[in-house]
Amino acid sequence: MQEHTRFDDEAATWDDDADHERRQVAVARAIEDAVDLDPGMRALDIGGGTGRLSILLADRVGSVVVTDPSAGMVQVAQQRIEAAHLGDRLHAVRADLSTGHLDGRYDVAWSSMALHHVHDVDALLRSVAGLLADGGRIAIADLDEDPDGALHADKPDFDGHHGFARPDLAGRLTRAGFTEVVFVDATTITKNEREFGIFLCTATKA
């Protein structure tokens, strides 16, 4: 997939973008406000990229497995984890949860701006539901519906979703086995003088 190649190429400098950092901090705060995290929890990061979100939330949970389909991102994530002296509780693995298998059972799963890159969203949500303990929580931050594709207009290789309509994503989560679906506004992206909304969606495994 071409996008994986792009993320491999951009992994080393991804965190240099101040907007990426601002967004991850905002998403981390939104997750802390919406989900009761505790130090006994086992967390799963879906499409975690460089692991920045999980590093920001590391002190709130017991352990995190950071997954990403991009080998370059996983390599950088593991380097960032080691640099933050979190290697005893966090580790990064290459995995595409929409098509592959992952071992373990988790209490919470989170994701930031990864879902719109996933081709088979329903398969991913079913996979995550299967990895969560009963009553486990999912927290997804992603792009509100962008029907004209303006945010990714400058990326000709983009082959994902142009954001999500909240009722549609709520329905997908319900069909995947989640209840108590709640949306809040998390942050925004400004690009070409346009502002794009980023939601945080939380739900509970039934």
N, C-alpha and C. Protein backbone atom coordinates (compact mmCIF):
# COMPACT_ATOMS: atom_id res chain seq x y z
N MET A 1 0.85 -1.20 0.00
CA MET A 1 0.00 0.00 0.00
C MET A 1 0.88 1.24 0.00
N GLN A 2 0.61 2.17 -0.89
CA GLN A 2 1.48 3.34 -1.06
C GLN A 2 1.56 4.18 0.21
N GLU A 3 0.44 4.28 0.92
CA GLU A 3 0.45 5.12 2.12
C GLU A 3 1.42 4.58 3.17
N HIS A 4 1.53 3.25 3.29
CA HIS A 4 2.48 2.70 4.23
C HIS A 4 3.88 3.17 3.88
N THR A 5 4.20 3.19 2.58
CA THR A 5 5.51 3.66 2.14
C THR A 5 5.72 5.12 2.53
N ARG A 6 4.67 5.94 2.35
CA ARG A 6 4.79 7.34 2.74
C ARG A 6 5.06 7.47 4.23
N PHE A 7 4.34 6.70 5.04
CA PHE A 7 4.55 6.79 6.49
C PHE A 7 5.93 6.26 6.88
N ASP A 8 6.41 5.22 6.20
CA ASP A 8 7.78 4.76 6.44
C ASP A 8 8.77 5.89 6.20
N ASP A 9 8.57 6.60 5.10
CA ASP A 9 9.49 7.67 4.71
C ASP A 9 9.43 8.85 5.68
N GLU A 10 8.24 9.13 6.22
CA GLU A 10 8.06 10.33 7.04
C GLU A 10 8.22 10.07 8.54
N ALA A 11 8.39 8.80 8.93
CA ALA A 11 8.38 8.44 10.35
C ALA A 11 9.41 9.21 11.17
N ALA A 12 10.62 9.33 10.65
CA ALA A 12 11.71 9.91 11.45
C ALA A 12 11.46 11.37 11.80
N THR A 13 10.75 12.09 10.95
CA THR A 13 10.53 13.52 11.19
C THR A 13 9.08 13.84 11.56
N TRP A 14 8.25 12.81 11.73
CA TRP A 14 6.83 13.02 11.98
C TRP A 14 6.57 13.92 13.18
N ASP A 15 7.29 13.67 14.28
CA ASP A 15 7.06 14.41 15.51
C ASP A 15 7.66 15.82 15.49
N ASP A 16 8.38 16.16 14.42
CA ASP A 16 8.92 17.51 14.32
C ASP A 16 7.83 18.54 13.99
N ASP A 17 6.70 18.07 13.51
CA ASP A 17 5.58 18.95 13.15
C ASP A 17 4.87 19.41 14.41
N ALA A 18 4.90 20.71 14.70
CA ALA A 18 4.29 21.24 15.93
C ALA A 18 2.78 20.98 15.97
N ASP A 19 2.14 20.93 14.80
CA ASP A 19 0.69 20.66 14.77
C ASP A 19 0.40 19.23 15.20
N HIS A 20 1.26 18.29 14.83
CA HIS A 20 1.07 16.91 15.28
C HIS A 20 1.13 16.85 16.80
N GLU A 21 2.11 17.51 17.39
CA GLU A 21 2.25 17.49 18.85
C GLU A 21 1.05 18.14 19.53
N ARG A 22 0.63 19.29 19.02
CA ARG A 22 -0.53 19.96 19.62
C ARG A 22 -1.76 19.06 19.58
N ARG A 23 -1.95 18.39 18.45
CA ARG A 23 -3.11 17.52 18.30
C ARG A 23 -3.05 16.33 19.24
N GLN A 24 -1.87 15.73 19.37
CA GLN A 24 -1.75 14.56 20.25
C GLN A 24 -1.97 14.94 21.72
N VAL A 25 -1.49 16.10 22.11
CA VAL A 25 -1.71 16.56 23.49
C VAL A 25 -3.20 16.78 23.73
N ALA A 26 -3.88 17.39 22.76
CA ALA A 26 -5.32 17.64 22.90
C ALA A 26 -6.09 16.33 22.97
N VAL A 27 -5.71 15.36 22.15
CA VAL A 27 -6.40 14.06 22.16
C VAL A 27 -6.14 13.34 23.48
N ALA A 28 -4.90 13.39 23.96
CA ALA A 28 -4.59 12.75 25.24
C ALA A 28 -5.44 13.33 26.36
N ARG A 29 -5.59 14.65 26.37
CA ARG A 29 -6.41 15.29 27.40
C ARG A 29 -7.87 14.89 27.27
N ALA A 30 -8.36 14.80 26.03
CA ALA A 30 -9.75 14.40 25.81
C ALA A 30 -9.99 12.97 26.29
N ILE A 31 -9.02 12.08 26.05
CA ILE A 31 -9.15 10.70 26.52
C ILE A 31 -9.14 10.64 28.04
N GLU A 32 -8.25 11.41 28.65
CA GLU A 32 -8.20 11.44 30.12
C GLU A 32 -9.53 11.92 30.70
N ASP A 33 -10.17 12.88 30.03
CA ASP A 33 -11.45 13.40 30.52
C ASP A 33 -12.59 12.41 30.31
N ALA A 34 -12.50 11.60 29.25
CA ALA A 34 -13.65 10.76 28.86
C ALA A 34 -13.58 9.34 29.38
N VAL A 35 -12.39 8.87 29.71
CA VAL A 35 -12.21 7.47 30.10
C VAL A 35 -11.55 7.42 31.48
N ASP A 36 -12.09 6.58 32.35
CA ASP A 36 -11.50 6.40 33.68
C ASP A 36 -10.30 5.46 33.57
N LEU A 37 -9.14 6.04 33.38
CA LEU A 37 -7.91 5.25 33.27
C LEU A 37 -7.38 4.95 34.66
N ASP A 38 -6.72 3.80 34.81
CA ASP A 38 -6.07 3.51 36.09
C ASP A 38 -4.80 2.70 35.85
N PRO A 39 -3.89 2.70 36.83
CA PRO A 39 -2.56 2.11 36.62
C PRO A 39 -2.57 0.60 36.43
N GLY A 40 -3.71 -0.05 36.60
CA GLY A 40 -3.77 -1.49 36.35
C GLY A 40 -4.17 -1.85 34.94
N MET A 41 -4.47 -0.86 34.13
CA MET A 41 -5.02 -1.14 32.80
C MET A 41 -3.96 -1.54 31.78
N ARG A 42 -4.36 -2.47 30.91
CA ARG A 42 -3.55 -2.84 29.75
C ARG A 42 -4.16 -2.13 28.54
N ALA A 43 -3.37 -1.32 27.87
CA ALA A 43 -3.86 -0.48 26.79
C ALA A 43 -3.31 -0.94 25.45
N LEU A 44 -4.11 -0.69 24.41
CA LEU A 44 -3.75 -1.00 23.04
C LEU A 44 -3.86 0.27 22.21
N ASP A 45 -2.82 0.61 21.48
CA ASP A 45 -2.81 1.79 20.62
C ASP A 45 -2.96 1.31 19.18
N ILE A 46 -4.03 1.74 18.51
CA ILE A 46 -4.36 1.30 17.16
C ILE A 46 -3.82 2.30 16.16
N GLY A 47 -2.91 1.86 15.30
CA GLY A 47 -2.31 2.79 14.34
C GLY A 47 -1.56 3.89 15.05
N GLY A 48 -0.74 3.50 16.00
CA GLY A 48 -0.13 4.45 16.92
C GLY A 48 1.01 5.28 16.38
N GLY A 49 1.44 5.03 15.15
CA GLY A 49 2.50 5.86 14.56
C GLY A 49 3.76 5.84 15.40
N THR A 50 4.23 7.02 15.76
CA THR A 50 5.46 7.14 16.53
C THR A 50 5.27 6.87 18.03
N GLY A 51 4.04 6.54 18.43
CA GLY A 51 3.79 6.22 19.82
C GLY A 51 3.58 7.42 20.72
N ARG A 52 3.50 8.62 20.14
CA ARG A 52 3.45 9.83 20.95
C ARG A 52 2.24 9.85 21.88
N LEU A 53 1.06 9.48 21.38
CA LEU A 53 -0.13 9.50 22.23
C LEU A 53 0.03 8.56 23.42
N SER A 54 0.56 7.37 23.17
CA SER A 54 0.74 6.41 24.26
C SER A 54 1.79 6.86 25.27
N ILE A 55 2.82 7.55 24.79
CA ILE A 55 3.81 8.09 25.72
C ILE A 55 3.18 9.16 26.61
N LEU A 56 2.32 9.99 26.02
CA LEU A 56 1.63 11.02 26.80
C LEU A 56 0.70 10.41 27.86
N LEU A 57 0.12 9.25 27.56
CA LEU A 57 -0.83 8.62 28.47
C LEU A 57 -0.19 7.53 29.33
N ALA A 58 1.09 7.29 29.17
CA ALA A 58 1.74 6.14 29.80
C ALA A 58 1.59 6.12 31.31
N ASP A 59 1.65 7.28 31.95
CA ASP A 59 1.58 7.32 33.41
C ASP A 59 0.19 7.03 33.95
N ARG A 60 -0.81 6.98 33.06
CA ARG A 60 -2.19 6.77 33.49
C ARG A 60 -2.62 5.31 33.43
N VAL A 61 -1.79 4.45 32.82
CA VAL A 61 -2.13 3.03 32.67
C VAL A 61 -0.94 2.17 33.06
N GLY A 62 -1.15 0.86 33.05
CA GLY A 62 -0.07 -0.04 33.45
C GLY A 62 0.88 -0.37 32.31
N SER A 63 0.33 -0.65 31.13
CA SER A 63 1.16 -1.03 29.99
C SER A 63 0.44 -0.66 28.70
N VAL A 64 1.22 -0.50 27.63
CA VAL A 64 0.64 -0.19 26.32
C VAL A 64 1.38 -0.99 25.25
N VAL A 65 0.59 -1.59 24.35
CA VAL A 65 1.14 -2.16 23.11
C VAL A 65 0.76 -1.20 21.98
N VAL A 66 1.76 -0.61 21.35
CA VAL A 66 1.55 0.33 20.25
C VAL A 66 1.64 -0.46 18.95
N THR A 67 0.56 -0.46 18.16
CA THR A 67 0.56 -1.17 16.89
C THR A 67 0.50 -0.17 15.73
N ASP A 68 1.13 -0.55 14.62
CA ASP A 68 1.03 0.25 13.40
C ASP A 68 1.43 -0.64 12.23
N PRO A 69 0.77 -0.48 11.07
CA PRO A 69 1.16 -1.27 9.90
C PRO A 69 2.49 -0.86 9.28
N SER A 70 2.97 0.35 9.59
CA SER A 70 4.19 0.87 8.98
C SER A 70 5.42 0.45 9.79
N ALA A 71 6.32 -0.27 9.14
CA ALA A 71 7.55 -0.69 9.82
C ALA A 71 8.37 0.51 10.27
N GLY A 72 8.39 1.57 9.45
CA GLY A 72 9.14 2.76 9.83
C GLY A 72 8.60 3.41 11.08
N MET A 73 7.28 3.52 11.16
CA MET A 73 6.66 4.11 12.34
C MET A 73 6.93 3.27 13.59
N VAL A 74 6.85 1.95 13.46
CA VAL A 74 7.09 1.08 14.61
C VAL A 74 8.52 1.23 15.11
N GLN A 75 9.46 1.31 14.18
CA GLN A 75 10.86 1.49 14.57
C GLN A 75 11.05 2.80 15.33
N VAL A 76 10.47 3.88 14.83
CA VAL A 76 10.60 5.17 15.51
C VAL A 76 9.87 5.14 16.85
N ALA A 77 8.69 4.51 16.89
CA ALA A 77 7.96 4.42 18.15
C ALA A 77 8.78 3.72 19.23
N GLN A 78 9.43 2.61 18.86
CA GLN A 78 10.24 1.90 19.85
C GLN A 78 11.41 2.76 20.32
N GLN A 79 12.00 3.53 19.40
CA GLN A 79 13.09 4.44 19.78
C GLN A 79 12.58 5.51 20.74
N ARG A 80 11.40 6.06 20.46
CA ARG A 80 10.82 7.09 21.33
C ARG A 80 10.49 6.52 22.71
N ILE A 81 9.98 5.30 22.71
CA ILE A 81 9.64 4.65 23.98
C ILE A 81 10.90 4.45 24.83
N GLU A 82 11.97 3.97 24.21
CA GLU A 82 13.22 3.75 24.94
C GLU A 82 13.80 5.08 25.43
N ALA A 83 13.71 6.11 24.61
CA ALA A 83 14.24 7.42 24.99
C ALA A 83 13.47 8.01 26.17
N ALA A 84 12.19 7.65 26.28
CA ALA A 84 11.37 8.12 27.39
C ALA A 84 11.48 7.21 28.62
N HIS A 85 12.35 6.20 28.55
CA HIS A 85 12.58 5.26 29.65
C HIS A 85 11.28 4.53 30.04
N LEU A 86 10.51 4.16 29.00
CA LEU A 86 9.24 3.47 29.23
C LEU A 86 9.25 2.05 28.67
N GLY A 87 10.43 1.56 28.31
CA GLY A 87 10.52 0.26 27.66
C GLY A 87 10.08 -0.91 28.53
N ASP A 88 9.96 -0.70 29.84
CA ASP A 88 9.49 -1.78 30.70
C ASP A 88 7.97 -1.95 30.63
N ARG A 89 7.27 -0.92 30.14
CA ARG A 89 5.80 -0.98 30.14
C ARG A 89 5.17 -0.75 28.77
N LEU A 90 5.92 -0.18 27.84
CA LEU A 90 5.41 0.08 26.50
C LEU A 90 6.28 -0.64 25.49
N HIS A 91 5.65 -1.17 24.45
CA HIS A 91 6.43 -1.66 23.32
C HIS A 91 5.61 -1.56 22.05
N ALA A 92 6.31 -1.44 20.93
CA ALA A 92 5.68 -1.23 19.63
C ALA A 92 5.83 -2.48 18.78
N VAL A 93 4.76 -2.82 18.06
CA VAL A 93 4.78 -3.98 17.19
C VAL A 93 4.14 -3.61 15.85
N ARG A 94 4.64 -4.22 14.78
CA ARG A 94 4.03 -3.99 13.47
C ARG A 94 2.81 -4.90 13.34
N ALA A 95 1.66 -4.30 13.17
CA ALA A 95 0.43 -5.07 13.06
C ALA A 95 -0.65 -4.23 12.39
N ASP A 96 -1.41 -4.85 11.51
CA ASP A 96 -2.60 -4.25 10.93
C ASP A 96 -3.78 -5.00 11.51
N LEU A 97 -4.47 -4.38 12.45
CA LEU A 97 -5.51 -5.07 13.20
C LEU A 97 -6.76 -5.33 12.37
N SER A 98 -6.85 -4.73 11.19
CA SER A 98 -8.01 -5.02 10.33
C SER A 98 -7.83 -6.31 9.54
N THR A 99 -6.59 -6.79 9.44
CA THR A 99 -6.33 -8.00 8.65
C THR A 99 -5.56 -9.06 9.42
N GLY A 100 -4.88 -8.68 10.49
CA GLY A 100 -4.01 -9.62 11.19
C GLY A 100 -4.49 -9.95 12.59
N HIS A 101 -3.73 -10.77 13.27
CA HIS A 101 -4.07 -11.24 14.62
C HIS A 101 -3.07 -10.68 15.62
N LEU A 102 -3.55 -10.38 16.79
CA LEU A 102 -2.70 -9.92 17.88
C LEU A 102 -3.08 -10.69 19.13
N ASP A 103 -2.08 -11.10 19.89
CA ASP A 103 -2.35 -11.82 21.15
C ASP A 103 -2.62 -10.82 22.26
N GLY A 104 -3.25 -11.30 23.29
CA GLY A 104 -3.44 -10.50 24.49
C GLY A 104 -4.88 -10.09 24.69
N ARG A 105 -5.13 -9.56 25.89
CA ARG A 105 -6.44 -9.04 26.27
C ARG A 105 -6.21 -7.67 26.88
N TYR A 106 -7.04 -6.71 26.49
CA TYR A 106 -6.79 -5.32 26.86
C TYR A 106 -8.02 -4.71 27.53
N ASP A 107 -7.75 -3.69 28.36
CA ASP A 107 -8.83 -3.00 29.08
C ASP A 107 -9.27 -1.74 28.37
N VAL A 108 -8.39 -1.17 27.58
CA VAL A 108 -8.71 0.06 26.86
C VAL A 108 -7.92 0.07 25.55
N ALA A 109 -8.56 0.60 24.51
CA ALA A 109 -7.88 0.78 23.22
C ALA A 109 -8.09 2.22 22.79
N TRP A 110 -7.04 2.83 22.27
CA TRP A 110 -7.17 4.20 21.78
C TRP A 110 -6.51 4.35 20.42
N SER A 111 -6.92 5.42 19.74
CA SER A 111 -6.44 5.66 18.39
C SER A 111 -6.57 7.15 18.09
N SER A 112 -5.57 7.69 17.41
CA SER A 112 -5.61 9.11 17.03
C SER A 112 -5.30 9.26 15.55
N MET A 113 -6.28 9.68 14.79
CA MET A 113 -6.13 10.01 13.37
C MET A 113 -5.60 8.83 12.55
N ALA A 114 -6.00 7.63 12.94
CA ALA A 114 -5.60 6.44 12.20
C ALA A 114 -6.77 5.80 11.46
N LEU A 115 -7.98 5.93 11.99
CA LEU A 115 -9.11 5.18 11.46
C LEU A 115 -9.41 5.54 10.01
N HIS A 116 -9.21 6.81 9.65
CA HIS A 116 -9.55 7.19 8.27
C HIS A 116 -8.57 6.64 7.24
N HIS A 117 -7.49 6.03 7.70
CA HIS A 117 -6.55 5.36 6.80
C HIS A 117 -6.87 3.87 6.64
N VAL A 118 -7.82 3.37 7.41
CA VAL A 118 -8.14 1.93 7.42
C VAL A 118 -9.19 1.64 6.35
N HIS A 119 -8.89 0.71 5.46
CA HIS A 119 -9.84 0.38 4.39
C HIS A 119 -11.09 -0.28 4.97
N ASP A 120 -10.92 -1.34 5.75
CA ASP A 120 -12.06 -2.09 6.27
C ASP A 120 -12.28 -1.72 7.74
N VAL A 121 -13.00 -0.63 7.95
CA VAL A 121 -13.23 -0.12 9.31
C VAL A 121 -14.00 -1.13 10.13
N ASP A 122 -14.99 -1.78 9.55
CA ASP A 122 -15.80 -2.73 10.31
C ASP A 122 -14.96 -3.91 10.80
N ALA A 123 -14.07 -4.41 9.95
CA ALA A 123 -13.20 -5.51 10.37
C ALA A 123 -12.30 -5.07 11.51
N LEU A 124 -11.78 -3.86 11.43
CA LEU A 124 -10.93 -3.36 12.51
C LEU A 124 -11.69 -3.27 13.82
N LEU A 125 -12.89 -2.72 13.79
CA LEU A 125 -13.66 -2.57 15.03
C LEU A 125 -14.02 -3.92 15.62
N ARG A 126 -14.35 -4.88 14.77
CA ARG A 126 -14.63 -6.24 15.28
C ARG A 126 -13.38 -6.84 15.92
N SER A 127 -12.23 -6.61 15.29
CA SER A 127 -10.97 -7.14 15.82
C SER A 127 -10.67 -6.53 17.19
N VAL A 128 -10.85 -5.22 17.31
CA VAL A 128 -10.58 -4.56 18.59
C VAL A 128 -11.56 -5.05 19.66
N ALA A 129 -12.83 -5.23 19.28
CA ALA A 129 -13.80 -5.74 20.24
C ALA A 129 -13.37 -7.12 20.76
N GLY A 130 -12.80 -7.93 19.87
CA GLY A 130 -12.34 -9.24 20.28
C GLY A 130 -11.12 -9.21 21.18
N LEU A 131 -10.38 -8.13 21.15
CA LEU A 131 -9.18 -8.00 21.99
C LEU A 131 -9.48 -7.36 23.35
N LEU A 132 -10.64 -6.69 23.47
CA LEU A 132 -10.97 -6.01 24.71
C LEU A 132 -11.69 -6.95 25.68
N ALA A 133 -11.38 -6.79 26.95
CA ALA A 133 -12.12 -7.49 27.99
C ALA A 133 -13.55 -6.96 28.03
N ASP A 134 -14.47 -7.75 28.56
CA ASP A 134 -15.85 -7.28 28.70
C ASP A 134 -15.85 -5.99 29.52
N GLY A 135 -16.56 -4.99 29.05
CA GLY A 135 -16.55 -3.70 29.72
C GLY A 135 -15.38 -2.82 29.34
N GLY A 136 -14.51 -3.34 28.47
CA GLY A 136 -13.36 -2.55 28.02
C GLY A 136 -13.79 -1.35 27.21
N ARG A 137 -12.94 -0.36 27.16
CA ARG A 137 -13.29 0.91 26.53
C ARG A 137 -12.46 1.15 25.28
N ILE A 138 -13.09 1.79 24.30
CA ILE A 138 -12.39 2.22 23.10
C ILE A 138 -12.54 3.74 22.99
N ALA A 139 -11.46 4.39 22.57
CA ALA A 139 -11.46 5.85 22.41
C ALA A 139 -10.79 6.17 21.07
N ILE A 140 -11.57 6.68 20.14
CA ILE A 140 -11.10 6.94 18.78
C ILE A 140 -11.18 8.44 18.50
N ALA A 141 -10.05 9.04 18.20
CA ALA A 141 -10.03 10.44 17.75
C ALA A 141 -9.81 10.42 16.24
N ASP A 142 -10.69 11.10 15.51
CA ASP A 142 -10.53 11.12 14.07
C ASP A 142 -11.27 12.31 13.47
N LEU A 143 -11.23 12.37 12.17
CA LEU A 143 -11.69 13.51 11.40
C LEU A 143 -13.21 13.47 11.20
N ASP A 144 -13.87 14.57 11.53
CA ASP A 144 -15.28 14.69 11.17
C ASP A 144 -15.42 14.64 9.65
N GLU A 145 -16.59 14.28 9.20
CA GLU A 145 -16.83 14.09 7.77
C GLU A 145 -16.35 15.30 6.96
N ASP A 146 -15.55 15.00 5.95
CA ASP A 146 -14.95 16.01 5.05
C ASP A 146 -15.36 15.62 3.63
N PRO A 147 -16.63 15.89 3.26
CA PRO A 147 -17.20 15.30 2.04
C PRO A 147 -16.47 15.65 0.76
N ASP A 148 -15.84 16.82 0.71
CA ASP A 148 -15.13 17.17 -0.53
C ASP A 148 -13.65 16.79 -0.49
N GLY A 149 -13.23 16.10 0.57
CA GLY A 149 -11.86 15.61 0.63
C GLY A 149 -10.80 16.69 0.68
N ALA A 150 -11.15 17.83 1.26
CA ALA A 150 -10.24 18.98 1.22
C ALA A 150 -8.97 18.76 2.02
N LEU A 151 -9.08 18.04 3.15
CA LEU A 151 -7.91 17.88 4.01
C LEU A 151 -6.80 17.12 3.30
N HIS A 152 -7.16 16.13 2.50
CA HIS A 152 -6.16 15.29 1.85
C HIS A 152 -6.00 15.60 0.36
N ALA A 153 -6.51 16.76 -0.08
CA ALA A 153 -6.49 17.10 -1.50
C ALA A 153 -5.07 17.17 -2.06
N ASP A 154 -4.08 17.46 -1.21
CA ASP A 154 -2.71 17.59 -1.68
C ASP A 154 -1.94 16.27 -1.62
N LYS A 155 -2.62 15.17 -1.31
CA LYS A 155 -1.96 13.86 -1.22
C LYS A 155 -2.57 12.92 -2.26
N PRO A 156 -2.00 12.87 -3.45
CA PRO A 156 -2.61 12.07 -4.52
C PRO A 156 -2.65 10.58 -4.24
N ASP A 157 -1.81 10.09 -3.32
CA ASP A 157 -1.82 8.66 -3.01
C ASP A 157 -2.79 8.31 -1.89
N PHE A 158 -3.52 9.30 -1.36
CA PHE A 158 -4.44 9.02 -0.26
C PHE A 158 -5.57 8.13 -0.74
N ASP A 159 -5.78 7.00 -0.04
CA ASP A 159 -6.83 6.06 -0.45
C ASP A 159 -7.70 5.65 0.74
N GLY A 160 -7.82 6.55 1.70
CA GLY A 160 -8.64 6.26 2.88
C GLY A 160 -9.99 6.94 2.84
N HIS A 161 -10.52 7.22 4.02
CA HIS A 161 -11.84 7.83 4.16
C HIS A 161 -11.69 9.33 4.40
N HIS A 162 -12.59 10.11 3.83
CA HIS A 162 -12.57 11.56 4.05
C HIS A 162 -13.40 11.88 5.30
N GLY A 163 -12.89 11.42 6.43
CA GLY A 163 -13.57 11.63 7.69
C GLY A 163 -14.77 10.72 7.86
N PHE A 164 -15.49 10.93 8.96
CA PHE A 164 -16.62 10.09 9.31
C PHE A 164 -17.80 10.93 9.77
N ALA A 165 -18.99 10.58 9.30
CA ALA A 165 -20.20 11.11 9.89
C ALA A 165 -20.42 10.41 11.23
N ARG A 166 -20.65 11.16 12.26
CA ARG A 166 -20.73 10.57 13.60
C ARG A 166 -21.82 9.50 13.71
N PRO A 167 -23.03 9.71 13.17
CA PRO A 167 -24.04 8.63 13.28
C PRO A 167 -23.62 7.35 12.57
N ASP A 168 -22.91 7.47 11.45
CA ASP A 168 -22.44 6.28 10.73
C ASP A 168 -21.42 5.51 11.56
N LEU A 169 -20.46 6.22 12.16
CA LEU A 169 -19.46 5.54 12.98
C LEU A 169 -20.10 4.93 14.22
N ALA A 170 -21.08 5.61 14.80
CA ALA A 170 -21.79 5.05 15.95
C ALA A 170 -22.46 3.73 15.56
N GLY A 171 -23.07 3.68 14.39
CA GLY A 171 -23.69 2.45 13.93
C GLY A 171 -22.68 1.34 13.73
N ARG A 172 -21.54 1.68 13.17
CA ARG A 172 -20.49 0.68 12.96
C ARG A 172 -20.01 0.10 14.31
N LEU A 173 -19.84 0.97 15.30
CA LEU A 173 -19.40 0.51 16.61
C LEU A 173 -20.46 -0.39 17.25
N THR A 174 -21.71 -0.02 17.12
CA THR A 174 -22.79 -0.84 17.68
C THR A 174 -22.80 -2.23 17.05
N ARG A 175 -22.67 -2.26 15.73
CA ARG A 175 -22.67 -3.56 15.04
C ARG A 175 -21.45 -4.41 15.39
N ALA A 176 -20.35 -3.74 15.78
CA ALA A 176 -19.14 -4.47 16.16
C ALA A 176 -19.18 -4.98 17.59
N GLY A 177 -20.22 -4.61 18.35
CA GLY A 177 -20.36 -5.12 19.71
C GLY A 177 -20.10 -4.11 20.80
N PHE A 178 -20.22 -2.83 20.48
CA PHE A 178 -20.00 -1.77 21.47
C PHE A 178 -21.32 -1.10 21.85
N THR A 179 -21.36 -0.56 23.05
CA THR A 179 -22.51 0.20 23.53
C THR A 179 -22.01 1.54 24.09
N GLU A 180 -22.93 2.37 24.54
CA GLU A 180 -22.59 3.64 25.21
C GLU A 180 -21.66 4.50 24.34
N VAL A 181 -22.03 4.65 23.07
CA VAL A 181 -21.21 5.42 22.13
C VAL A 181 -21.44 6.92 22.38
N VAL A 182 -20.36 7.64 22.63
CA VAL A 182 -20.44 9.07 22.94
C VAL A 182 -19.40 9.81 22.11
N PHE A 183 -19.78 10.95 21.56
CA PHE A 183 -18.85 11.81 20.81
C PHE A 183 -18.68 13.14 21.53
N VAL A 184 -17.44 13.64 21.53
CA VAL A 184 -17.17 15.00 21.97
C VAL A 184 -16.21 15.64 20.96
N ASP A 185 -16.19 16.96 20.90
CA ASP A 185 -15.20 17.66 20.08
C ASP A 185 -13.86 17.62 20.80
N ALA A 186 -12.82 17.16 20.11
CA ALA A 186 -11.51 17.02 20.75
C ALA A 186 -10.57 18.17 20.41
N THR A 187 -10.44 18.48 19.12
CA THR A 187 -9.52 19.53 18.68
C THR A 187 -9.84 19.82 17.22
N THR A 188 -8.99 20.58 16.57
CA THR A 188 -9.19 20.92 15.16
C THR A 188 -7.85 20.85 14.42
N ILE A 189 -7.96 20.79 13.10
CA ILE A 189 -6.82 20.95 12.21
C ILE A 189 -7.11 22.15 11.33
N THR A 190 -6.14 23.04 11.20
CA THR A 190 -6.28 24.16 10.27
C THR A 190 -5.35 23.94 9.10
N LYS A 191 -5.93 23.98 7.90
CA LYS A 191 -5.14 23.76 6.69
C LYS A 191 -5.72 24.60 5.56
N ASN A 192 -4.86 25.33 4.89
CA ASN A 192 -5.30 26.20 3.80
C ASN A 192 -6.45 27.11 4.24
N GLU A 193 -6.28 27.65 5.45
CA GLU A 193 -7.24 28.60 6.04
C GLU A 193 -8.62 27.99 6.28
N ARG A 194 -8.69 26.66 6.30
CA ARG A 194 -9.93 25.98 6.65
C ARG A 194 -9.72 25.22 7.94
N GLU A 195 -10.76 25.11 8.73
CA GLU A 195 -10.68 24.39 9.99
C GLU A 195 -11.47 23.09 9.87
N PHE A 196 -10.84 21.99 10.27
CA PHE A 196 -11.45 20.66 10.22
C PHE A 196 -11.60 20.13 11.64
N GLY A 197 -12.77 19.66 11.97
CA GLY A 197 -13.03 19.17 13.32
C GLY A 197 -12.49 17.76 13.55
N ILE A 198 -11.99 17.54 14.75
CA ILE A 198 -11.54 16.22 15.20
C ILE A 198 -12.40 15.83 16.41
N PHE A 199 -13.08 14.70 16.30
CA PHE A 199 -13.91 14.23 17.41
C PHE A 199 -13.15 13.20 18.24
N LEU A 200 -13.61 13.00 19.47
CA LEU A 200 -13.23 11.80 20.24
C LEU A 200 -14.51 11.01 20.45
N CYS A 201 -14.47 9.78 19.99
CA CYS A 201 -15.60 8.85 20.17
C CYS A 201 -15.19 7.79 21.17
N THR A 202 -16.00 7.61 22.21
CA THR A 202 -15.75 6.56 23.19
C THR A 202 -16.92 5.60 23.20
N ALA A 203 -16.62 4.35 23.50
CA ALA A 203 -17.66 3.32 23.57
C ALA A 203 -17.18 2.20 24.50
N THR A 204 -18.11 1.35 24.89
CA THR A 204 -17.82 0.27 25.83
C THR A 204 -18.13 -1.06 25.18
N LYS A 205 -17.24 -2.03 25.33
CA LYS A 205 -17.54 -3.36 24.82
C LYS A 205 -18.66 -3.99 25.64
N ALA A 206 -19.69 -4.41 24.94
CA ALA A 206 -20.87 -4.97 25.63
C ALA A 206 -20.49 -6.25 26.38
